[in-house]
C-alpha atoms as a PDB file:
ATOM      1  CA  UNK A   1      28.699  -8.308  12.968  1.00  0.00           C
ATOM      2  CA  UNK A   2      29.785 -10.856  15.546  1.00  0.00           C
ATOM      3  CA  UNK A   3      26.150 -11.911  16.014  1.00  0.00           C
ATOM      4  CA  UNK A   4      25.807 -12.662  12.301  1.00  0.00           C
ATOM      5  CA  UNK A   5      29.071 -14.627  12.218  1.00  0.00           C
ATOM      6  CA  UNK A   6      28.054 -16.723  15.212  1.00  0.00           C
ATOM      7  CA  UNK A   7      24.515 -17.387  13.984  1.00  0.00           C
ATOM      8  CA  UNK A   8      24.927 -17.579  10.207  1.00  0.00           C
ATOM      9  CA  UNK A   9      23.747 -21.191  10.004  1.00  0.00           C
ATOM     10  CA  UNK A  10      20.680 -20.469  12.098  1.00  0.00           C
ATOM     11  CA  UNK A  11      19.771 -17.486   9.941  1.00  0.00           C
ATOM     12  CA  UNK A  12      20.259 -19.506   6.752  1.00  0.00           C
ATOM     13  CA  UNK A  13      18.081 -22.340   8.054  1.00  0.00           C
ATOM     14  CA  UNK A  14      15.320 -19.925   9.062  1.00  0.00           C
ATOM     15  CA  UNK A  15      15.431 -18.318   5.605  1.00  0.00           C
ATOM     16  CA  UNK A  16      15.389 -21.745   3.921  1.00  0.00           C
ATOM     17  CA  UNK A  17      12.457 -22.855   6.072  1.00  0.00           C
ATOM     18  CA  UNK A  18      10.593 -19.667   5.123  1.00  0.00           C
ATOM     19  CA  UNK A  19      11.171 -20.324   1.420  1.00  0.00           C
ATOM     20  CA  UNK A  20       9.953 -23.912   1.679  1.00  0.00           C
ATOM     21  CA  UNK A  21       6.962 -22.923   3.806  1.00  0.00           C
ATOM     22  CA  UNK A  22       5.630 -20.446   1.249  1.00  0.00           C
ATOM     23  CA  UNK A  23       6.618 -22.161  -2.001  1.00  0.00           C
ATOM     24  CA  UNK A  24       3.568 -24.417  -1.883  1.00  0.00           C
ATOM     25  CA  UNK A  25       1.192 -21.491  -2.309  1.00  0.00           C
ATOM     26  CA  UNK A  26       3.198 -20.072  -5.184  1.00  0.00           C
ATOM     27  CA  UNK A  27       3.595 -23.322  -7.087  1.00  0.00           C
ATOM     28  CA  UNK A  28      -0.072 -24.272  -6.664  1.00  0.00           C
ATOM     29  CA  UNK A  29      -1.117 -21.230  -8.688  1.00  0.00           C
ATOM     30  CA  UNK A  30      -0.447 -20.792 -12.380  1.00  0.00           C
ATOM     31  CA  UNK A  31       2.246 -18.153 -12.071  1.00  0.00           C
ATOM     32  CA  UNK A  32       4.299 -16.720  -9.238  1.00  0.00           C
ATOM     33  CA  UNK A  33       3.983 -13.232 -10.704  1.00  0.00           C
ATOM     34  CA  UNK A  34       0.199 -13.524 -10.933  1.00  0.00           C
ATOM     35  CA  UNK A  35       0.026 -14.565  -7.281  1.00  0.00           C
ATOM     36  CA  UNK A  36       2.283 -11.695  -6.206  1.00  0.00           C
ATOM     37  CA  UNK A  37       0.202  -9.240  -8.267  1.00  0.00           C
ATOM     38  CA  UNK A  38      -2.988 -10.444  -6.596  1.00  0.00           C
ATOM     39  CA  UNK A  39      -1.508 -10.237  -3.108  1.00  0.00           C
ATOM     40  CA  UNK A  40      -0.029  -6.776  -3.728  1.00  0.00           C
ATOM     41  CA  UNK A  41      -3.400  -5.602  -5.061  1.00  0.00           C
ATOM     42  CA  UNK A  42      -5.196  -6.898  -1.964  1.00  0.00           C
ATOM     43  CA  UNK A  43      -2.672  -5.264   0.373  1.00  0.00           C
ATOM     44  CA  UNK A  44      -2.871  -1.951  -1.488  1.00  0.00           C
ATOM     45  CA  UNK A  45      -6.668  -1.782  -1.399  1.00  0.00           C
ATOM     46  CA  UNK A  46      -6.757  -2.692   2.299  1.00  0.00           C
ATOM     47  CA  UNK A  47      -4.105  -0.145   3.230  1.00  0.00           C
ATOM     48  CA  UNK A  48      -5.829   2.488   1.087  1.00  0.00           C
ATOM     49  CA  UNK A  49      -9.074   2.006   3.002  1.00  0.00           C
ATOM     50  CA  UNK A  50      -7.305   2.336   6.345  1.00  0.00           C
ATOM     51  CA  UNK A  51      -5.418   5.434   5.197  1.00  0.00           C
ATOM     52  CA  UNK A  52      -8.646   7.108   4.034  1.00  0.00           C
ATOM     53  CA  UNK A  53     -10.231   6.596   7.448  1.00  0.00           C
ATOM     54  CA  UNK A  54      -7.187   7.804   9.387  1.00  0.00           C
ATOM     55  CA  UNK A  55      -6.633  10.660   6.917  1.00  0.00           C
ATOM     56  CA  UNK A  56     -10.249  11.780   7.235  1.00  0.00           C
ATOM     57  CA  UNK A  57      -9.941  12.078  10.990  1.00  0.00           C
ATOM     58  CA  UNK A  58      -6.604  13.837  10.486  1.00  0.00           C
ATOM     59  CA  UNK A  59      -8.170  16.343   8.088  1.00  0.00           C
ATOM     60  CA  UNK A  60     -10.892  17.190  10.593  1.00  0.00           C
ATOM     61  CA  UNK A  61      -8.392  17.556  13.427  1.00  0.00           C
ATOM     62  CA  UNK A  62      -5.907  19.649  11.475  1.00  0.00           C
ATOM     63  CA  UNK A  63      -8.686  21.853  10.059  1.00  0.00           C
ATOM     64  CA  UNK A  64      -9.969  22.471  13.577  1.00  0.00           C
ATOM     65  CA  UNK A  65      -6.480  23.382  14.804  1.00  0.00           C
ATOM     66  CA  UNK A  66      -5.774  25.527  11.743  1.00  0.00           C
ATOM     67  CA  UNK A  67      -8.975  27.534  12.241  1.00  0.00           C
ATOM     68  CA  UNK A  68      -7.873  28.442  15.751  1.00  0.00           C
ATOM     69  CA  UNK A  69      -4.306  29.234  14.607  1.00  0.00           C
ATOM     70  CA  UNK A  70      -2.510  26.350  16.348  1.00  0.00           C
ATOM     71  CA  UNK A  71      -1.045  24.824  13.155  1.00  0.00           C
ATOM     72  CA  UNK A  72      -0.237  26.139   9.727  1.00  0.00           C
ATOM     73  CA  UNK A  73      -2.707  25.737   6.866  1.00  0.00           C
ATOM     74  CA  UNK A  74       0.082  24.110   4.817  1.00  0.00           C
ATOM     75  CA  UNK A  75      -0.280  20.978   6.921  1.00  0.00           C
ATOM     76  CA  UNK A  76      -3.965  20.763   6.043  1.00  0.00           C
ATOM     77  CA  UNK A  77      -3.232  21.299   2.352  1.00  0.00           C
ATOM     78  CA  UNK A  78      -0.427  18.724   2.410  1.00  0.00           C
ATOM     79  CA  UNK A  79      -2.656  16.074   3.959  1.00  0.00           C
ATOM     80  CA  UNK A  80      -5.472  16.839   1.511  1.00  0.00           C
ATOM     81  CA  UNK A  81      -3.128  16.609  -1.488  1.00  0.00           C
ATOM     82  CA  UNK A  82      -1.642  13.376  -0.137  1.00  0.00           C
ATOM     83  CA  UNK A  83      -5.089  11.795   0.193  1.00  0.00           C
ATOM     84  CA  UNK A  84      -5.970  12.946  -3.339  1.00  0.00           C
ATOM     85  CA  UNK A  85      -2.779  11.340  -4.646  1.00  0.00           C
ATOM     86  CA  UNK A  86      -3.661   8.114  -2.833  1.00  0.00           C
ATOM     87  CA  UNK A  87      -7.121   8.190  -4.411  1.00  0.00           C
ATOM     88  CA  UNK A  88      -5.620   8.736  -7.875  1.00  0.00           C
ATOM     89  CA  UNK A  89      -2.920   6.071  -7.494  1.00  0.00           C
ATOM     90  CA  UNK A  90      -4.983   3.409  -9.249  1.00  0.00           C
ATOM     91  CA  UNK A  91      -5.647   5.627 -12.254  1.00  0.00           C
ATOM     92  CA  UNK A  92      -1.976   6.573 -12.449  1.00  0.00           C
ATOM     93  CA  UNK A  93      -0.892   2.922 -12.412  1.00  0.00           C
ATOM     94  CA  UNK A  94      -3.469   2.025 -15.066  1.00  0.00           C
ATOM     95  CA  UNK A  95      -2.321   4.912 -17.249  1.00  0.00           C
ATOM     96  CA  UNK A  96       1.376   4.093 -16.836  1.00  0.00           C
ATOM     97  CA  UNK A  97       0.980   0.387 -17.573  1.00  0.00           C
ATOM     98  CA  UNK A  98      -1.486   0.858 -20.404  1.00  0.00           C
ATOM     99  CA  UNK A  99      -3.847  -1.797 -19.111  1.00  0.00           C
ATOM    100  CA  UNK A 100      -6.749  -1.920 -16.721  1.00  0.00           C
ATOM    101  CA  UNK A 101      -5.723  -4.138 -13.836  1.00  0.00           C
ATOM    102  CA  UNK A 102      -8.697  -6.329 -13.036  1.00  0.00           C
ATOM    103  CA  UNK A 103      -9.871  -6.111  -9.460  1.00  0.00           C
ATOM    104  CA  UNK A 104      -8.360  -2.686  -8.899  1.00  0.00           C
ATOM    105  CA  UNK A 105     -11.104  -0.834  -7.050  1.00  0.00           C
ATOM    106  CA  UNK A 106     -10.195   2.685  -8.024  1.00  0.00           C
ATOM    107  CA  UNK A 107     -11.635   5.714  -6.265  1.00  0.00           C
ATOM    108  CA  UNK A 108     -12.053   7.549  -9.586  1.00  0.00           C
ATOM    109  CA  UNK A 109     -13.488   4.596 -11.486  1.00  0.00           C
ATOM    110  CA  UNK A 110     -16.978   6.039 -11.924  1.00  0.00           C
ATOM    111  CA  UNK A 111     -15.689   9.446 -13.032  1.00  0.00           C
ATOM    112  CA  UNK A 112     -13.637   7.947 -15.867  1.00  0.00           C
ATOM    113  CA  UNK A 113     -16.666   6.550 -17.683  1.00  0.00           C
END
C-alpha cells in the first residue's frame, strides 16, 4: 500500500500515456466496439489453434500413460471433453447471440451445413 501511495502520480501518468497511445487505433476505425470485436476474434482463433496443438500432444501423452496404468483415465476423458468444448465454442457463441459472427472460423462449420 505504501508503494501505491508513494508512486500514485507515476502510475496515473503511465495509465494516461497508455490510453493516449492506443486511442489513435480505436478512433481511426468506425467503432471502438467493432475494433475490440475484431481483435478478440483474432486472439481467440490464434489461442484456439495453439491449444489444439498442445492438447493433441497432451492427449497422446495421457493416453500412453493411462494404458500403462500411470494416470487415471478420467484425466484423458477430461482433456478430450475440454478440447471438444473448445472446438464447439464458436457454435455456442453463434447460437447464444443469434447471429453468425463474420470471420469466426469455427471447427464445426462444415458439419452445420
